[in-house]
Amino acid sequence: MVAFVNDNVRYGSEVIPVDFISLSFAEQFGFKVKKVYALKQKKGNSSHKIAKFGRIALRKSITILEKK
């Protein structure tokens, strides 16, 4: 089994769902998703992005995987 923490990121105005993308890769490498925990959204945005695009809450998650 393996567990890891992911922070989603923002590139310009686009939110990149790093957690979902990494799950797709993990399944391709033979892992089965056991559980995903979404954590409280405390991650902030940088001031220059807030000024340009507004504040967007970014998800942080803990993922538990198991090798098939």
N, C-alpha and C. Protein backbone atom coordinates (compact mmCIF):
# COMPACT_ATOMS: atom_id res chain seq x y z
N MET A 1 0.85 -1.18 0.00
CA MET A 1 0.00 0.00 0.00
C MET A 1 0.88 1.23 0.00
N VAL A 2 0.33 2.31 -0.53
CA VAL A 2 1.05 3.58 -0.54
C VAL A 2 0.04 4.70 -0.29
N ALA A 3 0.49 5.74 0.38
CA ALA A 3 -0.35 6.92 0.63
C ALA A 3 0.45 8.15 0.26
N PHE A 4 -0.23 9.14 -0.30
CA PHE A 4 0.45 10.39 -0.61
C PHE A 4 -0.52 11.56 -0.55
N VAL A 5 0.05 12.74 -0.39
CA VAL A 5 -0.72 13.99 -0.31
C VAL A 5 -0.53 14.76 -1.60
N ASN A 6 -1.62 15.25 -2.15
CA ASN A 6 -1.58 16.06 -3.36
C ASN A 6 -2.20 17.42 -3.10
N ASP A 7 -1.59 18.44 -3.64
CA ASP A 7 -2.20 19.77 -3.70
C ASP A 7 -2.53 20.03 -5.16
N ASN A 8 -3.75 20.42 -5.43
CA ASN A 8 -4.05 20.88 -6.78
C ASN A 8 -3.38 22.22 -6.98
N VAL A 9 -3.12 22.59 -8.21
CA VAL A 9 -2.42 23.83 -8.49
C VAL A 9 -3.23 24.66 -9.48
N ARG A 10 -2.78 25.88 -9.63
CA ARG A 10 -3.42 26.80 -10.54
C ARG A 10 -2.37 27.34 -11.50
N TYR A 11 -2.67 27.26 -12.78
CA TYR A 11 -1.78 27.79 -13.81
C TYR A 11 -2.57 28.86 -14.53
N GLY A 12 -2.23 30.11 -14.26
CA GLY A 12 -3.03 31.22 -14.77
C GLY A 12 -4.41 31.15 -14.15
N SER A 13 -5.44 31.11 -14.97
CA SER A 13 -6.79 31.03 -14.44
C SER A 13 -7.31 29.59 -14.36
N GLU A 14 -6.51 28.62 -14.82
CA GLU A 14 -6.94 27.22 -14.86
C GLU A 14 -6.50 26.46 -13.61
N VAL A 15 -7.43 25.73 -13.00
CA VAL A 15 -7.11 24.85 -11.88
C VAL A 15 -6.73 23.49 -12.47
N ILE A 16 -5.58 22.96 -12.07
CA ILE A 16 -5.09 21.67 -12.54
C ILE A 16 -5.38 20.63 -11.45
N PRO A 17 -6.24 19.64 -11.73
CA PRO A 17 -6.59 18.63 -10.71
C PRO A 17 -5.50 17.56 -10.59
N VAL A 18 -4.42 17.90 -9.93
CA VAL A 18 -3.27 17.00 -9.80
C VAL A 18 -3.68 15.67 -9.17
N ASP A 19 -4.58 15.70 -8.20
CA ASP A 19 -4.99 14.46 -7.55
C ASP A 19 -5.67 13.51 -8.53
N PHE A 20 -6.57 14.01 -9.36
CA PHE A 20 -7.24 13.15 -10.33
C PHE A 20 -6.28 12.65 -11.40
N ILE A 21 -5.38 13.49 -11.84
CA ILE A 21 -4.40 13.10 -12.85
C ILE A 21 -3.48 12.01 -12.30
N SER A 22 -3.03 12.16 -11.06
CA SER A 22 -2.14 11.16 -10.47
C SER A 22 -2.86 9.82 -10.26
N LEU A 23 -4.17 9.86 -9.99
CA LEU A 23 -4.93 8.61 -9.85
C LEU A 23 -4.98 7.86 -11.18
N SER A 24 -5.13 8.59 -12.25
CA SER A 24 -5.14 7.99 -13.58
C SER A 24 -3.81 7.28 -13.86
N PHE A 25 -2.71 7.94 -13.54
CA PHE A 25 -1.39 7.32 -13.72
C PHE A 25 -1.23 6.09 -12.84
N ALA A 26 -1.65 6.21 -11.58
CA ALA A 26 -1.50 5.09 -10.64
C ALA A 26 -2.25 3.86 -11.15
N GLU A 27 -3.46 4.03 -11.67
CA GLU A 27 -4.22 2.90 -12.19
C GLU A 27 -3.53 2.28 -13.40
N GLN A 28 -2.90 3.10 -14.23
CA GLN A 28 -2.16 2.58 -15.38
C GLN A 28 -0.96 1.74 -14.95
N PHE A 29 -0.42 2.02 -13.76
CA PHE A 29 0.73 1.28 -13.25
C PHE A 29 0.32 0.13 -12.32
N GLY A 30 -0.97 -0.22 -12.33
CA GLY A 30 -1.42 -1.39 -11.60
C GLY A 30 -1.85 -1.16 -10.17
N PHE A 31 -2.12 0.08 -9.77
CA PHE A 31 -2.60 0.36 -8.42
C PHE A 31 -4.12 0.49 -8.42
N LYS A 32 -4.71 0.12 -7.32
CA LYS A 32 -6.15 0.25 -7.12
C LYS A 32 -6.36 1.34 -6.07
N VAL A 33 -7.28 2.24 -6.32
CA VAL A 33 -7.57 3.32 -5.37
C VAL A 33 -8.41 2.75 -4.23
N LYS A 34 -7.86 2.83 -3.02
CA LYS A 34 -8.59 2.36 -1.83
C LYS A 34 -9.45 3.46 -1.23
N LYS A 35 -8.88 4.68 -1.12
CA LYS A 35 -9.61 5.78 -0.47
C LYS A 35 -8.96 7.10 -0.84
N VAL A 36 -9.78 8.13 -0.98
CA VAL A 36 -9.29 9.49 -1.19
C VAL A 36 -9.96 10.38 -0.14
N TYR A 37 -9.16 11.08 0.62
CA TYR A 37 -9.66 11.99 1.64
C TYR A 37 -9.43 13.42 1.16
N ALA A 38 -10.48 14.20 1.06
CA ALA A 38 -10.34 15.63 0.72
C ALA A 38 -10.14 16.39 2.02
N LEU A 39 -9.08 17.18 2.10
CA LEU A 39 -8.78 17.96 3.30
C LEU A 39 -9.38 19.35 3.20
N LYS A 40 -9.48 20.02 4.33
CA LYS A 40 -9.97 21.39 4.32
C LYS A 40 -9.10 22.24 3.41
N GLN A 41 -9.74 23.13 2.70
CA GLN A 41 -9.04 23.94 1.71
C GLN A 41 -8.43 25.17 2.35
N LYS A 42 -7.20 25.02 2.84
CA LYS A 42 -6.50 26.12 3.48
C LYS A 42 -5.44 26.73 2.58
N LYS A 43 -5.16 26.08 1.46
CA LYS A 43 -4.10 26.56 0.59
C LYS A 43 -4.51 27.87 -0.05
N GLY A 44 -3.65 28.85 0.04
CA GLY A 44 -3.95 30.16 -0.51
C GLY A 44 -3.51 30.32 -1.94
N ASN A 45 -3.93 31.41 -2.53
CA ASN A 45 -3.50 31.77 -3.87
C ASN A 45 -2.47 32.88 -3.75
N SER A 46 -1.59 32.97 -4.71
CA SER A 46 -0.60 34.05 -4.68
C SER A 46 -1.29 35.38 -4.97
N SER A 47 -0.75 36.45 -4.41
CA SER A 47 -1.40 37.75 -4.50
C SER A 47 -1.55 38.24 -5.94
N HIS A 48 -0.56 37.96 -6.80
CA HIS A 48 -0.69 38.44 -8.18
C HIS A 48 -1.79 37.68 -8.94
N LYS A 49 -2.02 36.41 -8.58
CA LYS A 49 -3.11 35.67 -9.23
C LYS A 49 -4.47 36.09 -8.69
N ILE A 50 -4.54 36.40 -7.41
CA ILE A 50 -5.80 36.89 -6.84
C ILE A 50 -6.20 38.19 -7.51
N ALA A 51 -5.24 39.09 -7.68
CA ALA A 51 -5.52 40.38 -8.30
C ALA A 51 -6.00 40.21 -9.74
N LYS A 52 -5.43 39.25 -10.46
CA LYS A 52 -5.75 39.08 -11.87
C LYS A 52 -6.97 38.17 -12.11
N PHE A 53 -7.07 37.07 -11.35
CA PHE A 53 -8.10 36.07 -11.62
C PHE A 53 -9.10 35.86 -10.48
N GLY A 54 -8.86 36.44 -9.31
CA GLY A 54 -9.73 36.22 -8.15
C GLY A 54 -9.24 35.02 -7.33
N ARG A 55 -9.82 34.85 -6.16
CA ARG A 55 -9.43 33.75 -5.26
C ARG A 55 -10.22 32.50 -5.62
N ILE A 56 -9.51 31.39 -5.74
CA ILE A 56 -10.13 30.09 -5.99
C ILE A 56 -9.56 29.12 -4.97
N ALA A 57 -10.45 28.43 -4.24
CA ALA A 57 -9.99 27.44 -3.28
C ALA A 57 -9.43 26.23 -4.03
N LEU A 58 -8.27 25.77 -3.61
CA LEU A 58 -7.62 24.62 -4.25
C LEU A 58 -7.67 23.43 -3.31
N ARG A 59 -8.09 22.30 -3.84
CA ARG A 59 -8.26 21.09 -3.04
C ARG A 59 -6.90 20.47 -2.71
N LYS A 60 -6.82 19.94 -1.50
CA LYS A 60 -5.69 19.12 -1.06
C LYS A 60 -6.29 17.77 -0.67
N SER A 61 -5.62 16.69 -1.04
CA SER A 61 -6.18 15.38 -0.73
C SER A 61 -5.10 14.39 -0.32
N ILE A 62 -5.54 13.37 0.42
CA ILE A 62 -4.69 12.25 0.78
C ILE A 62 -5.26 11.03 0.04
N THR A 63 -4.39 10.34 -0.67
CA THR A 63 -4.81 9.19 -1.47
C THR A 63 -4.14 7.93 -0.96
N ILE A 64 -4.94 6.88 -0.80
CA ILE A 64 -4.45 5.59 -0.38
C ILE A 64 -4.60 4.63 -1.58
N LEU A 65 -3.49 4.03 -1.98
CA LEU A 65 -3.49 3.11 -3.11
C LEU A 65 -2.99 1.74 -2.66
N GLU A 66 -3.40 0.72 -3.41
CA GLU A 66 -2.94 -0.64 -3.15
C GLU A 66 -2.55 -1.27 -4.48
N LYS A 67 -1.46 -2.00 -4.50
CA LYS A 67 -1.03 -2.68 -5.71
C LYS A 67 -1.98 -3.84 -5.98
N LYS A 68 -2.46 -3.96 -7.24
CA LYS A 68 -3.40 -5.05 -7.59
C LYS A 68 -2.72 -6.39 -7.55
